[in-house]
Amino acid sequence: MARKPILIDRGKLRAEVRKLGKERVFYMLDDAIELLPVWFRVLSATAEPEEYAKRIIAMLSRHYSYGREKMLAIARRTATTHQRKALAEVEGA
Protein backbone atom coordinates (compact mmCIF):
# COMPACT_ATOMS: atom_id res chain seq x y z
CA MET A 1 0.00 0.00 0.00
CA ALA A 2 1.39 3.42 -0.96
CA ARG A 3 1.96 5.94 1.77
CA LYS A 4 -0.32 8.95 1.59
CA PRO A 5 1.51 12.28 1.59
CA ILE A 6 1.25 14.42 4.70
CA LEU A 7 -0.14 17.82 3.81
CA ILE A 8 1.19 20.59 6.03
CA ASP A 9 0.02 24.18 5.93
CA ARG A 10 3.33 25.91 6.61
CA GLY A 11 1.59 29.19 7.40
CA LYS A 12 -0.47 27.57 10.16
CA LEU A 13 2.56 25.71 11.48
CA ARG A 14 4.62 28.92 11.64
CA ALA A 15 1.73 30.70 13.38
CA GLU A 16 1.58 27.95 16.02
CA VAL A 17 5.33 28.14 16.59
CA ARG A 18 5.13 31.93 16.95
CA LYS A 19 2.23 31.57 19.37
CA LEU A 20 4.12 29.09 21.55
CA GLY A 21 7.51 30.70 21.06
CA LYS A 22 10.45 28.89 19.48
CA GLU A 23 12.19 28.26 22.77
CA ARG A 24 9.05 26.68 24.21
CA VAL A 25 8.72 24.43 21.15
CA PHE A 26 12.35 23.28 21.49
CA TYR A 27 11.87 22.74 25.23
CA MET A 28 8.84 20.58 24.49
CA LEU A 29 10.88 18.57 22.00
CA ASP A 30 13.63 18.07 24.58
CA ASP A 31 11.07 16.73 27.02
CA ALA A 32 9.30 14.58 24.46
CA ILE A 33 12.00 12.86 22.42
CA GLU A 34 9.40 10.44 21.11
CA LEU A 35 8.20 13.34 18.96
CA LEU A 36 11.44 13.58 16.99
CA PRO A 37 10.66 10.65 14.67
CA VAL A 38 7.28 12.27 13.94
CA TRP A 39 9.04 15.56 13.19
CA PHE A 40 11.42 13.68 10.88
CA ARG A 41 8.45 12.31 8.90
CA VAL A 42 6.84 15.75 8.59
CA LEU A 43 10.13 17.35 7.62
CA SER A 44 10.82 14.60 5.09
CA ALA A 45 7.44 15.20 3.46
CA THR A 46 7.86 18.97 3.27
CA ALA A 47 11.57 19.81 2.90
CA GLU A 48 14.02 19.71 0.04
CA PRO A 49 16.97 17.33 0.60
CA GLU A 50 19.49 20.00 1.65
CA GLU A 51 17.03 21.68 4.00
CA TYR A 52 16.11 18.31 5.53
CA ALA A 53 19.75 17.46 6.21
CA LYS A 54 20.67 20.85 7.65
CA ARG A 55 17.64 21.02 9.93
CA ILE A 56 18.13 17.47 11.24
CA ILE A 57 21.80 18.10 12.03
CA ALA A 58 21.07 21.50 13.60
CA MET A 59 18.24 20.14 15.78
CA LEU A 60 20.25 17.19 17.03
CA SER A 61 23.37 19.28 17.64
CA ARG A 62 21.46 21.90 19.59
CA HIS A 63 18.95 19.81 21.47
CA TYR A 64 19.78 16.13 21.50
CA SER A 65 23.50 15.47 21.36
CA TYR A 66 23.31 12.58 23.84
CA GLY A 67 21.28 10.28 21.58
CA ARG A 68 22.40 11.87 18.32
CA GLU A 69 23.51 8.66 16.57
CA LYS A 70 20.27 6.84 17.39
CA MET A 71 18.18 9.74 16.12
CA LEU A 72 20.34 10.10 12.99
CA ALA A 73 19.66 6.45 12.19
CA ILE A 74 15.92 7.11 12.51
CA ALA A 75 16.24 10.26 10.38
CA ARG A 76 18.07 8.26 7.69
CA ARG A 77 15.35 5.59 7.62
CA THR A 78 12.67 8.29 7.37
CA ALA A 79 14.39 10.27 4.60
CA THR A 80 13.88 9.92 0.89
CA THR A 81 16.81 8.68 -1.19
CA HIS A 82 17.86 12.25 -2.05
CA GLN A 83 17.48 13.42 1.55
CA ARG A 84 19.60 10.47 2.74
CA LYS A 85 22.32 11.48 0.29
CA ALA A 86 22.18 15.12 1.44
CA LEU A 87 22.29 14.01 5.08
CA ALA A 88 25.45 11.98 4.41
CA GLU A 89 27.05 15.00 2.70
CA VAL A 90 26.19 17.36 5.58
CA GLU A 91 27.43 14.84 8.15
CA GLY A 92 30.72 14.47 6.28
CA ALA A 93 31.29 18.21 5.99
C-alpha atoms as a PDB file:
ATOM      1  CA  MET A   1       0.000   0.000   0.000  1.00  0.00           C
ATOM      2  CA  ALA A   2       1.388   3.421  -0.963  1.00  0.00           C
ATOM      3  CA  ARG A   3       1.956   5.944   1.770  1.00  0.00           C
ATOM      4  CA  LYS A   4      -0.316   8.946   1.591  1.00  0.00           C
ATOM      5  CA  PRO A   5       1.509  12.278   1.589  1.00  0.00           C
ATOM      6  CA  ILE A   6       1.252  14.415   4.695  1.00  0.00           C
ATOM      7  CA  LEU A   7      -0.143  17.824   3.813  1.00  0.00           C
ATOM      8  CA  ILE A   8       1.194  20.590   6.034  1.00  0.00           C
ATOM      9  CA  ASP A   9       0.023  24.176   5.926  1.00  0.00           C
ATOM     10  CA  ARG A  10       3.334  25.907   6.613  1.00  0.00           C
ATOM     11  CA  GLY A  11       1.588  29.187   7.402  1.00  0.00           C
ATOM     12  CA  LYS A  12      -0.471  27.571  10.164  1.00  0.00           C
ATOM     13  CA  LEU A  13       2.560  25.711  11.476  1.00  0.00           C
ATOM     14  CA  ARG A  14       4.617  28.923  11.644  1.00  0.00           C
ATOM     15  CA  ALA A  15       1.730  30.695  13.381  1.00  0.00           C
ATOM     16  CA  GLU A  16       1.576  27.951  16.015  1.00  0.00           C
ATOM     17  CA  VAL A  17       5.325  28.138  16.593  1.00  0.00           C
ATOM     18  CA  ARG A  18       5.131  31.927  16.950  1.00  0.00           C
ATOM     19  CA  LYS A  19       2.228  31.569  19.366  1.00  0.00           C
ATOM     20  CA  LEU A  20       4.124  29.088  21.547  1.00  0.00           C
ATOM     21  CA  GLY A  21       7.513  30.698  21.058  1.00  0.00           C
ATOM     22  CA  LYS A  22      10.452  28.895  19.476  1.00  0.00           C
ATOM     23  CA  GLU A  23      12.190  28.256  22.772  1.00  0.00           C
ATOM     24  CA  ARG A  24       9.053  26.677  24.212  1.00  0.00           C
ATOM     25  CA  VAL A  25       8.723  24.427  21.152  1.00  0.00           C
ATOM     26  CA  PHE A  26      12.354  23.285  21.493  1.00  0.00           C
ATOM     27  CA  TYR A  27      11.871  22.739  25.231  1.00  0.00           C
ATOM     28  CA  MET A  28       8.841  20.579  24.489  1.00  0.00           C
ATOM     29  CA  LEU A  29      10.883  18.565  21.999  1.00  0.00           C
ATOM     30  CA  ASP A  30      13.629  18.070  24.577  1.00  0.00           C
ATOM     31  CA  ASP A  31      11.069  16.726  27.020  1.00  0.00           C
ATOM     32  CA  ALA A  32       9.300  14.581  24.458  1.00  0.00           C
ATOM     33  CA  ILE A  33      11.996  12.855  22.417  1.00  0.00           C
ATOM     34  CA  GLU A  34       9.401  10.444  21.112  1.00  0.00           C
ATOM     35  CA  LEU A  35       8.200  13.343  18.958  1.00  0.00           C
ATOM     36  CA  LEU A  36      11.436  13.577  16.993  1.00  0.00           C
ATOM     37  CA  PRO A  37      10.658  10.650  14.673  1.00  0.00           C
ATOM     38  CA  VAL A  38       7.283  12.268  13.940  1.00  0.00           C
ATOM     39  CA  TRP A  39       9.037  15.560  13.194  1.00  0.00           C
ATOM     40  CA  PHE A  40      11.420  13.679  10.880  1.00  0.00           C
ATOM     41  CA  ARG A  41       8.446  12.313   8.900  1.00  0.00           C
ATOM     42  CA  VAL A  42       6.840  15.752   8.593  1.00  0.00           C
ATOM     43  CA  LEU A  43      10.133  17.354   7.618  1.00  0.00           C
ATOM     44  CA  SER A  44      10.824  14.600   5.091  1.00  0.00           C
ATOM     45  CA  ALA A  45       7.439  15.197   3.465  1.00  0.00           C
ATOM     46  CA  THR A  46       7.864  18.969   3.269  1.00  0.00           C
ATOM     47  CA  ALA A  47      11.574  19.809   2.899  1.00  0.00           C
ATOM     48  CA  GLU A  48      14.025  19.707   0.039  1.00  0.00           C
ATOM     49  CA  PRO A  49      16.965  17.333   0.596  1.00  0.00           C
ATOM     50  CA  GLU A  50      19.494  20.001   1.654  1.00  0.00           C
ATOM     51  CA  GLU A  51      17.032  21.681   4.004  1.00  0.00           C
ATOM     52  CA  TYR A  52      16.114  18.313   5.531  1.00  0.00           C
ATOM     53  CA  ALA A  53      19.747  17.462   6.205  1.00  0.00           C
ATOM     54  CA  LYS A  54      20.674  20.852   7.649  1.00  0.00           C
ATOM     55  CA  ARG A  55      17.644  21.023   9.927  1.00  0.00           C
ATOM     56  CA  ILE A  56      18.135  17.469  11.236  1.00  0.00           C
ATOM     57  CA  ILE A  57      21.801  18.101  12.035  1.00  0.00           C
ATOM     58  CA  ALA A  58      21.066  21.499  13.603  1.00  0.00           C
ATOM     59  CA  MET A  59      18.240  20.140  15.775  1.00  0.00           C
ATOM     60  CA  LEU A  60      20.246  17.193  17.032  1.00  0.00           C
ATOM     61  CA  SER A  61      23.367  19.276  17.637  1.00  0.00           C
ATOM     62  CA  ARG A  62      21.460  21.904  19.593  1.00  0.00           C
ATOM     63  CA  HIS A  63      18.950  19.811  21.471  1.00  0.00           C
ATOM     64  CA  TYR A  64      19.783  16.128  21.504  1.00  0.00           C
ATOM     65  CA  SER A  65      23.504  15.474  21.357  1.00  0.00           C
ATOM     66  CA  TYR A  66      23.306  12.577  23.842  1.00  0.00           C
ATOM     67  CA  GLY A  67      21.275  10.279  21.584  1.00  0.00           C
ATOM     68  CA  ARG A  68      22.401  11.871  18.324  1.00  0.00           C
ATOM     69  CA  GLU A  69      23.509   8.657  16.571  1.00  0.00           C
ATOM     70  CA  LYS A  70      20.271   6.835  17.391  1.00  0.00           C
ATOM     71  CA  MET A  71      18.183   9.744  16.115  1.00  0.00           C
ATOM     72  CA  LEU A  72      20.343  10.101  12.992  1.00  0.00           C
ATOM     73  CA  ALA A  73      19.660   6.449  12.194  1.00  0.00           C
ATOM     74  CA  ILE A  74      15.921   7.108  12.507  1.00  0.00           C
ATOM     75  CA  ALA A  75      16.235  10.262  10.376  1.00  0.00           C
ATOM     76  CA  ARG A  76      18.067   8.258   7.687  1.00  0.00           C
ATOM     77  CA  ARG A  77      15.348   5.592   7.622  1.00  0.00           C
ATOM     78  CA  THR A  78      12.672   8.286   7.372  1.00  0.00           C
ATOM     79  CA  ALA A  79      14.392  10.267   4.603  1.00  0.00           C
ATOM     80  CA  THR A  80      13.880   9.917   0.888  1.00  0.00           C
ATOM     81  CA  THR A  81      16.805   8.684  -1.194  1.00  0.00           C
ATOM     82  CA  HIS A  82      17.860  12.254  -2.053  1.00  0.00           C
ATOM     83  CA  GLN A  83      17.475  13.415   1.551  1.00  0.00           C
ATOM     84  CA  ARG A  84      19.603  10.474   2.737  1.00  0.00           C
ATOM     85  CA  LYS A  85      22.320  11.479   0.294  1.00  0.00           C
ATOM     86  CA  ALA A  86      22.183  15.124   1.442  1.00  0.00           C
ATOM     87  CA  LEU A  87      22.288  14.010   5.081  1.00  0.00           C
ATOM     88  CA  ALA A  88      25.448  11.983   4.412  1.00  0.00           C
ATOM     89  CA  GLU A  89      27.046  15.000   2.698  1.00  0.00           C
ATOM     90  CA  VAL A  90      26.193  17.361   5.581  1.00  0.00           C
ATOM     91  CA  GLU A  91      27.434  14.841   8.146  1.00  0.00           C
ATOM     92  CA  GLY A  92      30.721  14.467   6.278  1.00  0.00           C
ATOM     93  CA  ALA A  93      31.291  18.210   5.994  1.00  0.00           C
END
